[in-house]
Amino acid sequence: MMTLYSLLKPMAATLLAATFLLGGCATVSTVESEVQSFSVAPTPMLPGPFRFERLPSQDQDARQSATLEEMAQKALEKAGFSRVDTAARYSVQIGVATLDTVLAYPDPFFGRFAWSFGRPRLWNGRLFYTPPWPDREIYVTRVRLEIRELGTGKVVYESTATNEESWNNAKRVLPALFEAAMADFPSPPKGVRKVVVKLPTP
């Protein structure tokens, strides 16, 4: 069975230990993300008391996991949930991954991911040399939540929020992504949607 960890593992090579050291742009006031959510309850589920569940790999760095859970907890509480570890109705499992990559600006001949270094091109029968296209670094950050009903063991809600930015500050981006992942709870629309979360003033 595919687990939450296996879904996020391909992106986990550059995980949070590095991202917490990176600074963000102080002028950014919102975080925009693509969100996809699924609710399998036949009727809109009611929020209630919950506890966090961790995978064995997440217990390897308990301090980091607790920091991430604190971020997710604020988003869950905003949606009406309350953390009660000893008398929970739901369990919540979270996952976070960040990937940094370098993209070239669009090359008119070979598309978005092509690189141009003064190579000759033919266009409309004319030979010319393209100038180098400037590159830029982006950070792709993703959070995921799964809410499971403890009485039945059934996952009743899952949501993923993905953000792409040219800057990265985990302490500001991740709380916004958790909030975006819980947007439209408990009856999210079908398909991928854009969610914009306003950042608090630093």
N, C-alpha and C. Protein backbone atom coordinates (compact mmCIF):
# COMPACT_ATOMS: atom_id res chain seq x y z
N MET A 1 0.84 -1.19 0.00
CA MET A 1 0.00 0.00 0.00
C MET A 1 0.88 1.24 0.00
N MET A 2 0.58 2.18 -0.87
CA MET A 2 1.36 3.41 -0.94
C MET A 2 1.09 4.26 0.30
N THR A 3 2.14 4.67 0.94
CA THR A 3 2.01 5.46 2.16
C THR A 3 2.25 6.92 1.86
N LEU A 4 1.95 7.74 2.85
CA LEU A 4 2.21 9.17 2.73
C LEU A 4 3.68 9.42 2.50
N TYR A 5 4.55 8.65 3.18
CA TYR A 5 5.99 8.85 3.02
C TYR A 5 6.42 8.53 1.61
N SER A 6 5.87 7.44 1.03
CA SER A 6 6.28 7.06 -0.32
C SER A 6 5.85 8.08 -1.34
N LEU A 7 4.76 8.79 -1.09
CA LEU A 7 4.32 9.83 -2.02
C LEU A 7 5.25 11.02 -2.00
N LEU A 8 5.82 11.31 -0.85
CA LEU A 8 6.67 12.49 -0.71
C LEU A 8 8.14 12.17 -0.86
N LYS A 9 8.53 10.91 -0.82
CA LYS A 9 9.93 10.53 -0.81
C LYS A 9 10.72 11.06 -2.00
N PRO A 10 10.19 11.07 -3.26
CA PRO A 10 10.98 11.58 -4.38
C PRO A 10 11.42 13.02 -4.20
N MET A 11 10.72 13.80 -3.42
CA MET A 11 11.07 15.20 -3.25
C MET A 11 11.90 15.45 -2.00
N ALA A 12 12.20 14.41 -1.26
CA ALA A 12 12.74 14.62 0.08
C ALA A 12 14.24 14.77 0.13
N ALA A 13 14.93 14.79 -1.00
CA ALA A 13 16.39 14.87 -0.99
C ALA A 13 16.88 16.17 -0.40
N THR A 14 16.13 17.25 -0.61
CA THR A 14 16.54 18.54 -0.05
C THR A 14 15.48 18.97 0.94
N LEU A 15 15.45 18.33 2.08
CA LEU A 15 14.31 18.50 2.99
C LEU A 15 14.54 19.66 3.93
N LEU A 16 13.82 19.69 5.00
CA LEU A 16 13.67 20.90 5.79
C LEU A 16 14.91 21.34 6.52
N ALA A 17 15.85 20.48 6.76
CA ALA A 17 17.04 20.91 7.50
C ALA A 17 17.71 22.08 6.82
N ALA A 18 17.67 22.10 5.48
CA ALA A 18 18.26 23.21 4.74
C ALA A 18 17.30 24.38 4.63
N THR A 19 16.02 24.12 4.44
CA THR A 19 15.10 25.20 4.17
C THR A 19 14.90 26.12 5.35
N PHE A 20 15.05 25.62 6.57
CA PHE A 20 14.89 26.48 7.72
C PHE A 20 16.01 27.50 7.83
N LEU A 21 17.10 27.29 7.08
CA LEU A 21 18.22 28.22 7.13
C LEU A 21 18.12 29.30 6.08
N LEU A 22 17.15 29.19 5.18
CA LEU A 22 17.05 30.13 4.08
C LEU A 22 16.12 31.28 4.44
N GLY A 23 16.46 32.45 3.97
CA GLY A 23 15.63 33.62 4.22
C GLY A 23 14.68 33.88 3.08
N GLY A 24 13.58 34.55 3.36
CA GLY A 24 12.62 34.89 2.33
C GLY A 24 12.63 36.36 2.03
N CYS A 25 11.88 36.71 1.04
CA CYS A 25 11.78 38.11 0.64
C CYS A 25 10.84 38.83 1.61
N ALA A 26 11.34 39.89 2.23
CA ALA A 26 10.55 40.58 3.25
C ALA A 26 9.34 41.30 2.67
N THR A 27 9.34 41.53 1.36
CA THR A 27 8.25 42.28 0.75
C THR A 27 7.09 41.39 0.34
N VAL A 28 7.24 40.07 0.38
CA VAL A 28 6.19 39.16 -0.03
C VAL A 28 5.10 39.15 1.04
N SER A 29 3.85 39.34 0.62
CA SER A 29 2.74 39.42 1.58
C SER A 29 1.75 38.27 1.46
N THR A 30 1.86 37.47 0.41
CA THR A 30 0.94 36.34 0.23
C THR A 30 1.71 35.12 -0.25
N VAL A 31 1.11 33.96 -0.04
CA VAL A 31 1.63 32.70 -0.57
C VAL A 31 0.54 32.07 -1.42
N GLU A 32 0.85 31.85 -2.68
CA GLU A 32 -0.11 31.25 -3.61
C GLU A 32 0.26 29.78 -3.82
N SER A 33 -0.72 28.92 -3.76
CA SER A 33 -0.45 27.50 -3.91
C SER A 33 -1.54 26.82 -4.72
N GLU A 34 -1.19 25.66 -5.27
CA GLU A 34 -2.15 24.80 -5.94
C GLU A 34 -2.57 23.72 -4.94
N VAL A 35 -3.86 23.60 -4.74
CA VAL A 35 -4.38 22.71 -3.71
C VAL A 35 -5.32 21.69 -4.34
N GLN A 36 -5.20 20.47 -3.87
CA GLN A 36 -6.15 19.43 -4.27
C GLN A 36 -6.55 18.66 -3.02
N SER A 37 -7.85 18.56 -2.80
CA SER A 37 -8.35 17.94 -1.58
C SER A 37 -9.41 16.90 -1.92
N PHE A 38 -9.52 15.91 -1.04
CA PHE A 38 -10.50 14.84 -1.22
C PHE A 38 -11.18 14.56 0.11
N SER A 39 -12.49 14.49 0.06
CA SER A 39 -13.28 14.12 1.23
C SER A 39 -14.12 12.91 0.87
N VAL A 40 -13.94 11.82 1.61
CA VAL A 40 -14.66 10.59 1.28
C VAL A 40 -15.88 10.38 2.16
N ALA A 41 -16.11 11.27 3.11
CA ALA A 41 -17.29 11.14 3.94
C ALA A 41 -18.55 11.38 3.10
N PRO A 42 -19.61 10.61 3.31
CA PRO A 42 -20.82 10.80 2.51
C PRO A 42 -21.47 12.15 2.75
N THR A 43 -21.32 12.66 3.95
CA THR A 43 -21.82 14.00 4.28
C THR A 43 -20.64 14.80 4.82
N PRO A 44 -20.70 16.13 4.76
CA PRO A 44 -19.58 16.92 5.28
C PRO A 44 -19.21 16.50 6.70
N MET A 45 -17.95 16.14 6.89
CA MET A 45 -17.51 15.68 8.21
C MET A 45 -17.42 16.84 9.18
N LEU A 46 -17.61 16.55 10.43
CA LEU A 46 -17.54 17.57 11.46
C LEU A 46 -16.15 17.56 12.08
N PRO A 47 -15.55 18.72 12.28
CA PRO A 47 -14.26 18.74 12.96
C PRO A 47 -14.42 18.29 14.40
N GLY A 48 -13.33 17.84 15.00
CA GLY A 48 -13.40 17.36 16.36
C GLY A 48 -12.02 17.21 16.96
N PRO A 49 -11.89 16.55 18.09
CA PRO A 49 -10.60 16.37 18.72
C PRO A 49 -9.70 15.44 17.89
N PHE A 50 -8.42 15.75 17.84
CA PHE A 50 -7.50 14.96 17.03
C PHE A 50 -6.17 14.80 17.74
N ARG A 51 -5.38 13.88 17.25
CA ARG A 51 -3.99 13.72 17.66
C ARG A 51 -3.15 13.50 16.40
N PHE A 52 -1.88 13.79 16.50
CA PHE A 52 -0.98 13.56 15.37
C PHE A 52 -0.44 12.14 15.40
N GLU A 53 -0.29 11.58 14.23
CA GLU A 53 0.37 10.28 14.06
C GLU A 53 1.66 10.51 13.29
N ARG A 54 2.73 9.86 13.70
CA ARG A 54 4.01 9.98 13.01
C ARG A 54 4.45 8.66 12.43
N LEU A 55 5.11 8.74 11.28
CA LEU A 55 5.78 7.58 10.73
C LEU A 55 7.08 7.35 11.50
N PRO A 56 7.60 6.13 11.49
CA PRO A 56 8.88 5.89 12.17
C PRO A 56 9.99 6.82 11.71
N SER A 57 10.01 7.15 10.42
CA SER A 57 11.05 8.05 9.91
C SER A 57 10.91 9.45 10.49
N GLN A 58 9.69 9.86 10.81
CA GLN A 58 9.47 11.20 11.36
C GLN A 58 9.91 11.29 12.82
N ASP A 59 9.97 10.15 13.48
CA ASP A 59 10.43 10.15 14.87
C ASP A 59 11.95 10.23 14.97
N GLN A 60 12.64 10.14 13.84
CA GLN A 60 14.09 10.26 13.87
C GLN A 60 14.52 11.68 14.26
N ASP A 61 13.68 12.65 13.94
CA ASP A 61 13.94 14.04 14.34
C ASP A 61 12.67 14.56 15.00
N ALA A 62 12.50 14.20 16.25
CA ALA A 62 11.26 14.53 16.96
C ALA A 62 11.07 16.04 17.09
N ARG A 63 12.17 16.76 17.24
CA ARG A 63 12.06 18.22 17.41
C ARG A 63 11.52 18.86 16.14
N GLN A 64 12.04 18.45 15.00
CA GLN A 64 11.55 19.01 13.74
C GLN A 64 10.10 18.62 13.51
N SER A 65 9.75 17.38 13.80
CA SER A 65 8.38 16.93 13.62
C SER A 65 7.43 17.73 14.49
N ALA A 66 7.84 18.04 15.72
CA ALA A 66 6.99 18.83 16.61
C ALA A 66 6.79 20.24 16.07
N THR A 67 7.84 20.81 15.47
CA THR A 67 7.72 22.14 14.88
C THR A 67 6.73 22.15 13.74
N LEU A 68 6.79 21.14 12.89
CA LEU A 68 5.87 21.04 11.76
C LEU A 68 4.44 20.80 12.24
N GLU A 69 4.29 19.97 13.25
CA GLU A 69 2.96 19.71 13.79
C GLU A 69 2.35 20.97 14.40
N GLU A 70 3.17 21.78 15.00
CA GLU A 70 2.67 23.04 15.55
C GLU A 70 2.13 23.94 14.44
N MET A 71 2.82 23.96 13.30
CA MET A 71 2.35 24.74 12.15
C MET A 71 1.02 24.20 11.64
N ALA A 72 0.95 22.88 11.49
CA ALA A 72 -0.28 22.27 10.98
C ALA A 72 -1.42 22.43 11.98
N GLN A 73 -1.11 22.39 13.27
CA GLN A 73 -2.15 22.49 14.30
C GLN A 73 -2.90 23.81 14.19
N LYS A 74 -2.20 24.88 13.91
CA LYS A 74 -2.86 26.18 13.78
C LYS A 74 -3.87 26.17 12.64
N ALA A 75 -3.51 25.54 11.52
CA ALA A 75 -4.43 25.46 10.39
C ALA A 75 -5.63 24.57 10.73
N LEU A 76 -5.39 23.48 11.44
CA LEU A 76 -6.48 22.59 11.84
C LEU A 76 -7.42 23.27 12.83
N GLU A 77 -6.86 24.01 13.76
CA GLU A 77 -7.70 24.72 14.73
C GLU A 77 -8.53 25.79 14.04
N LYS A 78 -7.97 26.41 13.03
CA LYS A 78 -8.73 27.42 12.28
C LYS A 78 -9.93 26.79 11.57
N ALA A 79 -9.80 25.50 11.23
CA ALA A 79 -10.90 24.77 10.58
C ALA A 79 -11.86 24.16 11.58
N GLY A 80 -11.60 24.33 12.88
CA GLY A 80 -12.54 23.86 13.89
C GLY A 80 -12.07 22.66 14.70
N PHE A 81 -10.88 22.12 14.42
CA PHE A 81 -10.37 20.97 15.15
C PHE A 81 -9.71 21.43 16.46
N SER A 82 -9.57 20.50 17.38
CA SER A 82 -8.86 20.78 18.63
C SER A 82 -7.97 19.59 18.96
N ARG A 83 -6.78 19.87 19.40
CA ARG A 83 -5.83 18.79 19.71
C ARG A 83 -6.07 18.26 21.11
N VAL A 84 -6.46 16.98 21.17
CA VAL A 84 -6.68 16.30 22.45
C VAL A 84 -6.07 14.91 22.30
N ASP A 85 -4.84 14.77 22.70
CA ASP A 85 -4.12 13.53 22.43
C ASP A 85 -4.72 12.30 23.09
N THR A 86 -5.32 12.46 24.27
CA THR A 86 -5.80 11.30 25.03
C THR A 86 -7.23 10.90 24.70
N ALA A 87 -8.00 11.74 24.03
CA ALA A 87 -9.39 11.42 23.73
C ALA A 87 -9.73 11.92 22.33
N ALA A 88 -8.92 11.52 21.37
CA ALA A 88 -9.08 12.02 20.00
C ALA A 88 -10.10 11.20 19.22
N ARG A 89 -10.77 11.88 18.32
CA ARG A 89 -11.67 11.20 17.39
C ARG A 89 -10.97 10.93 16.07
N TYR A 90 -10.02 11.80 15.73
CA TYR A 90 -9.28 11.69 14.47
C TYR A 90 -7.78 11.62 14.75
N SER A 91 -7.06 11.02 13.81
CA SER A 91 -5.62 11.14 13.79
C SER A 91 -5.23 11.90 12.53
N VAL A 92 -4.18 12.69 12.63
CA VAL A 92 -3.72 13.50 11.50
C VAL A 92 -2.26 13.15 11.24
N GLN A 93 -1.98 12.84 9.99
CA GLN A 93 -0.61 12.58 9.58
C GLN A 93 -0.22 13.65 8.56
N ILE A 94 0.97 14.22 8.73
CA ILE A 94 1.40 15.29 7.84
C ILE A 94 2.70 14.89 7.16
N GLY A 95 2.98 15.53 6.03
CA GLY A 95 4.24 15.35 5.32
C GLY A 95 4.64 16.65 4.68
N VAL A 96 5.94 16.90 4.63
CA VAL A 96 6.48 18.14 4.05
C VAL A 96 7.70 17.81 3.22
N ALA A 97 7.84 18.44 2.08
CA ALA A 97 9.03 18.26 1.26
C ALA A 97 9.31 19.55 0.51
N THR A 98 10.60 19.83 0.30
CA THR A 98 11.02 21.00 -0.46
C THR A 98 12.09 20.59 -1.46
N LEU A 99 11.92 21.02 -2.69
CA LEU A 99 12.88 20.74 -3.75
C LEU A 99 13.31 22.05 -4.36
N ASP A 100 14.63 22.26 -4.50
CA ASP A 100 15.10 23.46 -5.19
C ASP A 100 15.62 23.06 -6.55
N THR A 101 15.37 23.89 -7.54
CA THR A 101 15.76 23.58 -8.90
C THR A 101 16.06 24.86 -9.66
N VAL A 102 16.83 24.73 -10.73
CA VAL A 102 17.17 25.87 -11.58
C VAL A 102 16.45 25.72 -12.90
N LEU A 103 15.73 26.76 -13.29
CA LEU A 103 15.00 26.77 -14.54
C LEU A 103 15.56 27.84 -15.47
N ALA A 104 15.58 27.54 -16.74
CA ALA A 104 15.95 28.55 -17.73
C ALA A 104 14.70 29.28 -18.17
N TYR A 105 14.84 30.54 -18.53
CA TYR A 105 13.72 31.26 -19.12
C TYR A 105 13.39 30.62 -20.47
N PRO A 106 12.17 30.78 -20.95
CA PRO A 106 11.74 30.06 -22.15
C PRO A 106 12.65 30.30 -23.35
N ASP A 107 13.06 29.21 -23.97
CA ASP A 107 13.81 29.23 -25.22
C ASP A 107 12.80 29.10 -26.35
N PRO A 108 12.75 30.02 -27.33
CA PRO A 108 11.72 29.96 -28.38
C PRO A 108 11.83 28.73 -29.26
N PHE A 109 12.94 28.00 -29.18
CA PHE A 109 13.11 26.84 -30.04
C PHE A 109 12.85 25.53 -29.32
N PHE A 110 13.25 25.45 -28.07
CA PHE A 110 13.18 24.17 -27.39
C PHE A 110 12.37 24.20 -26.10
N GLY A 111 11.69 25.30 -25.82
CA GLY A 111 10.78 25.33 -24.70
C GLY A 111 11.39 25.77 -23.40
N ARG A 112 10.60 25.61 -22.37
CA ARG A 112 10.89 26.20 -21.08
C ARG A 112 12.19 25.72 -20.46
N PHE A 113 12.53 24.42 -20.64
CA PHE A 113 13.66 23.87 -19.91
C PHE A 113 14.93 23.77 -20.75
N ALA A 114 14.94 24.41 -21.91
CA ALA A 114 16.13 24.37 -22.75
C ALA A 114 17.15 25.40 -22.27
N TRP A 115 18.41 25.14 -22.59
CA TRP A 115 19.49 26.06 -22.27
C TRP A 115 20.09 26.57 -23.57
N SER A 116 20.40 27.84 -23.63
CA SER A 116 20.99 28.44 -24.82
C SER A 116 22.32 29.07 -24.46
N PHE A 117 23.38 28.65 -25.11
CA PHE A 117 24.70 29.21 -24.83
C PHE A 117 25.37 29.66 -26.13
N GLY A 118 24.69 30.52 -26.83
CA GLY A 118 25.28 31.06 -28.04
C GLY A 118 25.36 30.07 -29.18
N ARG A 119 24.52 29.05 -29.18
CA ARG A 119 24.57 28.06 -30.25
C ARG A 119 23.85 28.59 -31.48
N PRO A 120 24.30 28.16 -32.67
CA PRO A 120 23.64 28.65 -33.89
C PRO A 120 22.24 28.08 -34.03
N ARG A 121 21.33 28.90 -34.57
CA ARG A 121 19.95 28.48 -34.81
C ARG A 121 19.56 28.88 -36.23
N LEU A 122 18.66 28.10 -36.79
CA LEU A 122 18.07 28.46 -38.08
C LEU A 122 16.62 28.83 -37.83
N TRP A 123 16.24 30.01 -38.29
CA TRP A 123 14.85 30.46 -38.13
C TRP A 123 14.46 31.19 -39.39
N ASN A 124 13.43 30.68 -40.06
CA ASN A 124 12.99 31.25 -41.35
C ASN A 124 14.14 31.35 -42.34
N GLY A 125 15.01 30.31 -42.32
CA GLY A 125 16.10 30.27 -43.29
C GLY A 125 17.29 31.13 -42.93
N ARG A 126 17.25 31.80 -41.79
CA ARG A 126 18.36 32.67 -41.40
C ARG A 126 19.15 32.05 -40.25
N LEU A 127 20.46 32.16 -40.35
CA LEU A 127 21.33 31.64 -39.31
C LEU A 127 21.68 32.75 -38.34
N PHE A 128 21.49 32.51 -37.05
CA PHE A 128 21.90 33.50 -36.07
C PHE A 128 22.27 32.78 -34.78
N TYR A 129 22.90 33.51 -33.88
CA TYR A 129 23.31 32.94 -32.61
C TYR A 129 22.42 33.49 -31.50
N THR A 130 21.89 32.61 -30.70
CA THR A 130 21.04 33.06 -29.61
C THR A 130 21.90 33.51 -28.44
N PRO A 131 21.48 34.52 -27.75
CA PRO A 131 22.20 34.92 -26.53
C PRO A 131 21.88 33.97 -25.40
N PRO A 132 22.71 33.90 -24.40
CA PRO A 132 22.38 33.06 -23.23
C PRO A 132 21.12 33.59 -22.56
N TRP A 133 20.23 32.67 -22.21
CA TRP A 133 19.00 33.05 -21.50
C TRP A 133 19.28 33.02 -20.00
N PRO A 134 18.91 34.04 -19.28
CA PRO A 134 19.19 34.05 -17.84
C PRO A 134 18.40 32.96 -17.13
N ASP A 135 19.00 32.37 -16.13
CA ASP A 135 18.33 31.31 -15.39
C ASP A 135 17.86 31.85 -14.04
N ARG A 136 16.99 31.08 -13.41
CA ARG A 136 16.49 31.48 -12.10
C ARG A 136 16.26 30.22 -11.27
N GLU A 137 16.41 30.36 -9.98
CA GLU A 137 16.22 29.25 -9.07
C GLU A 137 14.84 29.36 -8.43
N ILE A 138 14.14 28.25 -8.38
CA ILE A 138 12.84 28.23 -7.72
C ILE A 138 12.82 27.13 -6.67
N TYR A 139 11.92 27.27 -5.72
CA TYR A 139 11.74 26.28 -4.65
C TYR A 139 10.32 25.76 -4.73
N VAL A 140 10.20 24.46 -4.83
CA VAL A 140 8.89 23.80 -4.86
C VAL A 140 8.67 23.17 -3.48
N THR A 141 7.68 23.66 -2.77
CA THR A 141 7.39 23.18 -1.43
C THR A 141 6.00 22.56 -1.40
N ARG A 142 5.89 21.41 -0.76
CA ARG A 142 4.60 20.71 -0.73
C ARG A 142 4.31 20.24 0.69
N VAL A 143 3.07 20.43 1.11
CA VAL A 143 2.61 19.85 2.37
C VAL A 143 1.41 18.95 2.08
N ARG A 144 1.25 17.98 2.95
CA ARG A 144 0.15 17.03 2.77
C ARG A 144 -0.42 16.68 4.14
N LEU A 145 -1.75 16.60 4.21
CA LEU A 145 -2.43 16.18 5.43
C LEU A 145 -3.36 15.02 5.12
N GLU A 146 -3.38 14.04 6.01
CA GLU A 146 -4.36 12.97 5.95
C GLU A 146 -5.07 12.90 7.30
N ILE A 147 -6.39 12.95 7.26
CA ILE A 147 -7.17 12.88 8.49
C ILE A 147 -7.89 11.53 8.50
N ARG A 148 -7.64 10.77 9.55
CA ARG A 148 -8.21 9.43 9.66
C ARG A 148 -9.16 9.36 10.86
N GLU A 149 -10.31 8.75 10.64
CA GLU A 149 -11.27 8.54 11.73
C GLU A 149 -10.81 7.33 12.53
N LEU A 150 -10.52 7.55 13.81
CA LEU A 150 -9.95 6.47 14.61
C LEU A 150 -10.92 5.32 14.84
N GLY A 151 -12.20 5.61 14.92
CA GLY A 151 -13.17 4.55 15.17
C GLY A 151 -13.25 3.53 14.06
N THR A 152 -13.07 3.98 12.82
CA THR A 152 -13.17 3.07 11.67
C THR A 152 -11.82 2.81 11.01
N GLY A 153 -10.82 3.63 11.31
CA GLY A 153 -9.52 3.49 10.65
C GLY A 153 -9.52 4.02 9.23
N LYS A 154 -10.56 4.73 8.84
CA LYS A 154 -10.71 5.18 7.45
C LYS A 154 -10.21 6.61 7.29
N VAL A 155 -9.46 6.83 6.21
CA VAL A 155 -9.05 8.19 5.87
C VAL A 155 -10.28 8.94 5.34
N VAL A 156 -10.67 10.01 6.01
CA VAL A 156 -11.88 10.72 5.64
C VAL A 156 -11.58 12.06 4.96
N TYR A 157 -10.33 12.49 5.01
CA TYR A 157 -9.97 13.75 4.35
C TYR A 157 -8.48 13.74 4.05
N GLU A 158 -8.13 14.17 2.86
CA GLU A 158 -6.72 14.33 2.50
C GLU A 158 -6.58 15.56 1.61
N SER A 159 -5.46 16.23 1.76
CA SER A 159 -5.26 17.47 1.02
C SER A 159 -3.77 17.72 0.82
N THR A 160 -3.44 18.25 -0.35
CA THR A 160 -2.06 18.59 -0.70
C THR A 160 -2.02 20.01 -1.20
N ALA A 161 -1.03 20.79 -0.74
CA ALA A 161 -0.83 22.16 -1.20
C ALA A 161 0.61 22.30 -1.68
N THR A 162 0.78 22.84 -2.88
CA THR A 162 2.10 22.98 -3.50
C THR A 162 2.35 24.42 -3.89
N ASN A 163 3.53 24.91 -3.56
CA ASN A 163 3.91 26.29 -3.84
C ASN A 163 5.22 26.33 -4.60
N GLU A 164 5.31 27.22 -5.59
CA GLU A 164 6.56 27.45 -6.32
C GLU A 164 6.93 28.92 -6.18
N GLU A 165 8.10 29.18 -5.64
CA GLU A 165 8.55 30.56 -5.43
C GLU A 165 10.04 30.67 -5.76
N SER A 166 10.48 31.89 -6.03
CA SER A 166 11.89 32.15 -6.24
C SER A 166 12.59 32.48 -4.92
N TRP A 167 11.85 32.43 -3.82
CA TRP A 167 12.41 32.63 -2.49
C TRP A 167 11.86 31.54 -1.59
N ASN A 168 12.52 31.33 -0.48
CA ASN A 168 12.04 30.29 0.42
C ASN A 168 12.35 30.65 1.87
N ASN A 169 11.33 30.62 2.67
CA ASN A 169 11.47 30.80 4.11
C ASN A 169 10.46 29.85 4.75
N ALA A 170 10.94 28.72 5.21
CA ALA A 170 10.05 27.67 5.68
C ALA A 170 9.14 28.13 6.80
N LYS A 171 9.65 28.98 7.68
CA LYS A 171 8.85 29.42 8.82
C LYS A 171 7.66 30.27 8.40
N ARG A 172 7.72 30.86 7.20
CA ARG A 172 6.59 31.66 6.71
C ARG A 172 5.76 30.89 5.67
N VAL A 173 6.43 30.11 4.84
CA VAL A 173 5.72 29.41 3.76
C VAL A 173 4.90 28.24 4.29
N LEU A 174 5.49 27.41 5.15
CA LEU A 174 4.82 26.19 5.56
C LEU A 174 3.50 26.43 6.31
N PRO A 175 3.44 27.36 7.27
CA PRO A 175 2.13 27.60 7.90
C PRO A 175 1.07 28.02 6.89
N ALA A 176 1.47 28.82 5.89
CA ALA A 176 0.51 29.25 4.87
C ALA A 176 0.05 28.08 4.02
N LEU A 177 0.96 27.14 3.74
CA LEU A 177 0.58 25.97 2.95
C LEU A 177 -0.35 25.05 3.72
N PHE A 178 -0.11 24.88 5.01
CA PHE A 178 -1.04 24.08 5.80
C PHE A 178 -2.43 24.72 5.84
N GLU A 179 -2.44 26.04 5.94
CA GLU A 179 -3.73 26.74 5.93
C GLU A 179 -4.43 26.57 4.58
N ALA A 180 -3.65 26.64 3.50
CA ALA A 180 -4.22 26.44 2.17
C ALA A 180 -4.76 25.03 2.01
N ALA A 181 -4.04 24.05 2.57
CA ALA A 181 -4.48 22.66 2.46
C ALA A 181 -5.82 22.42 3.15
N MET A 182 -6.11 23.23 4.18
CA MET A 182 -7.38 23.09 4.88
C MET A 182 -8.46 24.04 4.36
N ALA A 183 -8.13 24.81 3.34
CA ALA A 183 -9.12 25.71 2.76
C ALA A 183 -10.29 24.90 2.18
N ASP A 184 -11.48 25.43 2.32
CA ASP A 184 -12.71 24.81 1.79
C ASP A 184 -13.09 23.54 2.54
N PHE A 185 -12.46 23.24 3.66
CA PHE A 185 -12.90 22.12 4.48
C PHE A 185 -14.30 22.42 5.04
N PRO A 186 -15.21 21.47 5.06
CA PRO A 186 -15.04 20.03 4.82
C PRO A 186 -15.50 19.57 3.44
N SER A 187 -15.89 20.51 2.57
CA SER A 187 -16.44 20.14 1.25
C SER A 187 -15.65 20.83 0.15
N PRO A 188 -14.45 20.35 -0.15
CA PRO A 188 -13.63 21.00 -1.17
C PRO A 188 -14.16 20.74 -2.57
N PRO A 189 -13.92 21.67 -3.49
CA PRO A 189 -14.32 21.42 -4.88
C PRO A 189 -13.43 20.37 -5.51
N LYS A 190 -13.89 19.79 -6.59
CA LYS A 190 -13.10 18.78 -7.30
C LYS A 190 -11.98 19.45 -8.09
N GLY A 191 -10.91 18.71 -8.26
CA GLY A 191 -9.81 19.20 -9.08
C GLY A 191 -8.84 20.09 -8.32
N VAL A 192 -7.85 20.57 -9.07
CA VAL A 192 -6.83 21.45 -8.49
C VAL A 192 -7.33 22.89 -8.51
N ARG A 193 -7.12 23.60 -7.41
CA ARG A 193 -7.57 24.97 -7.32
C ARG A 193 -6.44 25.85 -6.78
N LYS A 194 -6.53 27.13 -7.03
CA LYS A 194 -5.54 28.06 -6.53
C LYS A 194 -6.05 28.65 -5.22
N VAL A 195 -5.18 28.66 -4.23
CA VAL A 195 -5.51 29.26 -2.93
C VAL A 195 -4.43 30.27 -2.57
N VAL A 196 -4.82 31.46 -2.20
CA VAL A 196 -3.90 32.50 -1.81
C VAL A 196 -4.09 32.79 -0.33
N VAL A 197 -3.02 32.69 0.44
CA VAL A 197 -3.06 32.93 1.87
C VAL A 197 -2.23 34.16 2.18
N LYS A 198 -2.82 35.08 2.92
CA LYS A 198 -2.12 36.29 3.31
C LYS A 198 -1.17 36.00 4.47
N LEU A 199 0.05 36.45 4.35
CA LEU A 199 1.05 36.24 5.40
C LEU A 199 0.89 37.27 6.50
N PRO A 200 1.12 36.86 7.75
CA PRO A 200 1.11 37.84 8.83
C PRO A 200 2.28 38.80 8.72
N THR A 201 2.13 39.99 9.24
CA THR A 201 3.21 40.95 9.20
C THR A 201 4.35 40.48 10.09
N PRO A 202 5.58 40.38 9.54
CA PRO A 202 6.70 39.87 10.36
C PRO A 202 7.05 40.84 11.48
